[in-house]
Protein backbone atom coordinates (compact mmCIF):
# COMPACT_ATOMS: atom_id res chain seq x y z
CA LEU A 1 73.20 113.50 93.58
CA TYR A 2 75.15 110.39 94.59
CA LYS A 3 78.49 109.38 93.11
CA TYR A 4 79.75 105.84 93.56
CA GLY A 5 83.10 104.10 93.60
CA LEU A 6 85.14 101.76 95.79
CA GLU A 7 85.36 103.54 99.15
CA PHE A 8 88.45 103.54 101.36
CA PRO A 9 87.40 105.11 104.68
CA LYS A 10 90.38 103.67 106.58
CA GLY A 11 92.59 102.59 103.69
CA GLY A 12 92.95 99.31 101.88
CA LYS A 13 94.23 97.82 98.69
CA ILE A 14 93.12 96.77 95.23
CA MET A 15 94.75 93.80 93.53
CA PHE A 16 94.68 93.32 89.76
CA ASN A 17 96.78 91.98 86.92
CA ASN A 18 98.50 93.57 83.93
CA PRO A 19 97.78 90.76 81.43
CA PHE A 20 99.94 92.24 78.67
CA ASN A 21 103.48 91.07 78.03
CA LYS A 22 104.87 94.59 78.35
CA PRO A 23 104.89 97.54 80.76
CA MET A 24 101.75 99.65 80.67
CA ALA A 25 100.70 103.09 81.98
CA LEU A 26 98.52 102.87 85.12
CA TYR A 27 95.73 105.36 85.82
CA LEU A 28 93.39 105.51 88.79
CA ASP A 29 89.99 107.11 88.28
CA PHE A 30 88.96 108.82 91.52
CA MET A 31 86.11 111.04 92.62
CA LEU A 32 86.97 114.75 92.48
CA GLU A 33 84.85 117.44 94.13
CA GLY A 34 84.93 121.15 94.76
CA PRO A 35 85.13 123.89 95.70
CA PHE A 36 87.88 123.70 98.35
CA PRO A 37 88.14 122.26 100.93
CA GLY A 38 86.14 119.42 99.33
CA ILE A 39 84.46 116.34 100.76
CA TYR A 40 87.14 113.71 99.98
CA PRO A 41 90.46 113.35 101.89
CA ILE A 42 93.98 113.88 100.57
CA THR A 43 95.13 110.29 99.96
CA GLU A 44 98.43 108.43 99.66
CA ILE A 45 98.82 105.82 96.90
CA ILE A 46 101.62 103.25 96.79
CA VAL A 47 101.90 100.72 93.95
CA GLU A 48 103.35 97.29 94.70
CA THR A 49 104.62 95.16 91.82
CA PHE A 50 106.27 91.78 91.85
CA GLY A 51 109.55 90.84 90.22
CA PRO A 52 111.92 87.87 90.35
CA ASN A 53 113.40 89.15 93.65
CA GLY A 54 110.08 89.80 95.39
CA SER A 55 107.82 92.80 95.71
CA ILE A 56 108.79 96.37 94.82
CA LEU A 57 107.03 99.40 96.33
CA SER A 58 106.74 102.69 94.46
CA LYS A 59 107.37 106.04 96.07
CA PRO A 60 104.20 107.41 97.63
CA PHE A 61 101.95 109.47 95.38
CA TYR A 62 99.51 111.96 96.89
CA ILE A 63 96.12 112.87 95.47
CA ASN A 64 94.11 115.92 96.48
CA PRO A 65 90.57 115.17 95.27
CA SER A 66 89.46 118.80 95.72
CA VAL A 67 89.46 121.67 93.24
CA ASP A 68 88.67 125.39 93.35
CA ARG A 69 85.39 125.22 91.42
CA ALA A 70 81.97 123.63 91.95
CA VAL A 71 82.26 120.17 90.36
CA HIS A 72 81.77 116.50 91.26
CA PHE A 73 83.06 113.97 88.73
CA VAL A 74 85.52 111.14 88.04
CA GLN A 75 89.12 112.27 87.38
CA PRO A 76 91.81 110.00 85.90
CA ALA A 77 95.29 110.28 87.42
CA PHE A 78 98.49 108.85 85.97
CA ILE A 79 100.15 106.80 88.72
CA GLY A 80 103.09 105.25 86.90
CA THR A 81 104.27 102.49 84.62
CA VAL A 82 103.62 98.93 85.76
CA PRO A 83 105.21 95.70 84.54
CA PRO A 84 103.27 92.62 83.43
CA GLY A 85 101.82 90.53 86.23
CA ASP A 86 100.14 91.10 89.57
CA ILE A 87 99.83 94.61 90.99
CA ILE A 88 98.57 95.89 94.33
CA VAL A 89 97.50 99.50 94.77
CA HIS A 90 97.68 100.53 98.45
CA VAL A 91 95.32 103.37 99.39
CA ARG A 92 95.68 105.39 102.61
CA PRO A 93 93.45 108.41 103.28
CA LEU A 94 95.41 111.03 105.23
CA GLU A 95 92.82 113.64 106.24
CA GLU A 96 90.33 112.96 108.98
CA GLY A 97 86.92 114.54 109.30
CA LYS A 98 85.99 114.66 105.62
CA LYS A 99 82.34 114.08 104.73
CA GLU A 100 83.08 111.16 102.37
CA ALA A 101 85.71 108.42 102.05
CA PHE A 102 88.25 108.50 99.21
CA ARG A 103 86.64 106.78 96.21
CA ILE A 104 88.22 104.96 93.28
CA ALA A 105 85.86 104.64 90.34
CA GLY A 106 88.16 102.68 88.03
CA ILE A 107 91.61 101.38 87.17
CA ASN A 108 92.94 101.74 83.64
CA ILE A 109 96.06 100.41 81.99
CA SER A 110 97.00 101.68 78.56
CA GLU A 111 99.88 101.89 76.11
CA ILE A 112 102.70 104.02 77.50
CA ASN A 113 102.81 106.13 74.34
CA ASP A 114 99.12 107.02 74.76
CA ARG A 115 99.66 108.84 78.07
CA PHE A 116 98.04 112.17 78.74
CA ALA A 117 98.79 114.82 81.36
CA THR A 118 97.17 114.41 84.77
CA PRO A 119 98.46 116.99 87.26
CA ASP A 120 96.45 115.69 90.23
CA VAL A 121 99.03 113.23 91.60
CA HIS A 122 102.08 114.53 93.44
CA ILE A 123 105.39 113.09 94.57
CA ILE A 124 106.65 114.96 97.62
CA GLN A 125 110.24 114.85 98.82
CA PRO A 126 111.17 115.55 102.47
CA GLN A 127 113.44 118.42 101.35
CA GLU A 128 110.32 120.29 100.20
CA CYS A 129 109.30 120.53 103.86
CA ALA A 130 112.57 122.33 104.58
CA LEU A 131 111.85 124.67 101.67
CA LEU A 132 108.44 125.47 103.13
CA ARG A 133 109.95 126.25 106.54
CA GLN A 134 112.64 128.48 104.97
CA GLU A 135 110.23 130.45 102.82
CA GLN A 136 107.94 131.53 105.70
CA ALA A 137 105.64 133.07 103.09
CA PRO A 138 101.98 132.60 102.25
CA ALA A 139 101.46 129.19 100.64
CA ALA A 140 100.08 130.70 97.43
CA ASN A 141 103.49 132.30 96.73
CA LEU A 142 105.62 129.17 97.10
CA ARG A 143 107.43 127.64 94.16
CA LEU A 144 107.57 123.89 94.65
CA SER A 145 109.04 121.02 92.65
CA GLY A 146 107.31 119.22 89.77
CA PHE A 147 104.36 116.93 89.51
CA ALA A 148 104.64 113.14 89.40
CA ASP A 149 103.86 113.03 85.68
CA PRO A 150 106.58 114.85 83.67
CA LYS A 151 104.03 115.87 81.04
CA SER A 152 102.21 117.87 83.71
CA ILE A 153 105.21 120.12 84.26
CA GLN A 154 104.47 121.68 80.88
CA ILE A 155 100.88 122.38 81.92
CA LYS A 156 101.16 123.84 85.41
CA GLU A 157 103.75 126.25 86.78
CA ASN A 158 103.90 124.87 90.33
CA TYR A 159 101.97 127.74 91.90
CA ASN A 160 99.05 125.36 92.12
CA ARG A 161 96.86 125.73 95.21
CA SER A 162 96.13 121.99 95.27
CA ARG A 163 99.83 121.11 95.23
CA VAL A 164 100.71 123.59 97.96
CA THR A 165 97.86 122.19 100.07
CA VAL A 166 99.10 118.62 99.58
CA VAL A 167 102.76 119.48 100.26
CA LYS A 168 101.92 121.37 103.44
CA PHE A 169 99.60 118.60 104.64
CA VAL A 170 102.11 115.81 103.91
CA CYS A 171 104.98 117.74 105.56
CA ASP A 172 102.90 118.41 108.69
CA ASN A 173 101.23 115.00 108.98
CA VAL A 174 103.25 112.34 107.14
CA PHE A 175 106.82 113.60 107.49
CA ASN A 176 105.89 115.09 110.91
CA GLY A 177 107.71 118.38 110.46
CA PRO A 178 105.41 121.40 110.99
CA THR A 179 105.88 124.12 108.41
CA ASP A 180 104.57 127.05 110.51
CA LEU A 181 103.32 128.87 107.44
CA ASN A 182 101.01 131.86 107.64
CA SER A 183 98.47 130.16 105.37
């Protein structure tokens, strides 16, 4: 069974416009597959918006498009709030050797008050890498900081296998500080 979307084998960007005269919630719909380790790469997302003083880049968000069960479908992920005007979403796959390229199936903007929890997007701080190195414990036992979307904190208790996988991968490959975990 084939699943389609915009593919980003080496990265790229999507440009679009928030036509409303107010900030809106931004969601990316991406292809999700399982079970682990999955066929799509962990991917970094950065949102660029434009204000009176030039462009503004968001903090990086990380998506792990793999889950622990046998599925293959489109998953929405809350990325952030965007102002009116032009927006660029920068996409950078981080894992090499995956069977398929990271795929975006849609971009949605909606009223901020209509947000729903999407725990699949993570913000990772460099200090989390130090925490991983200090713990020296199996990754499944680590307690890490919250998800990008505050509503998700109420849903998941940070012992999430996907999050631990993303944090370890980003620490080892983006922040370039090996964690030396036994996982």
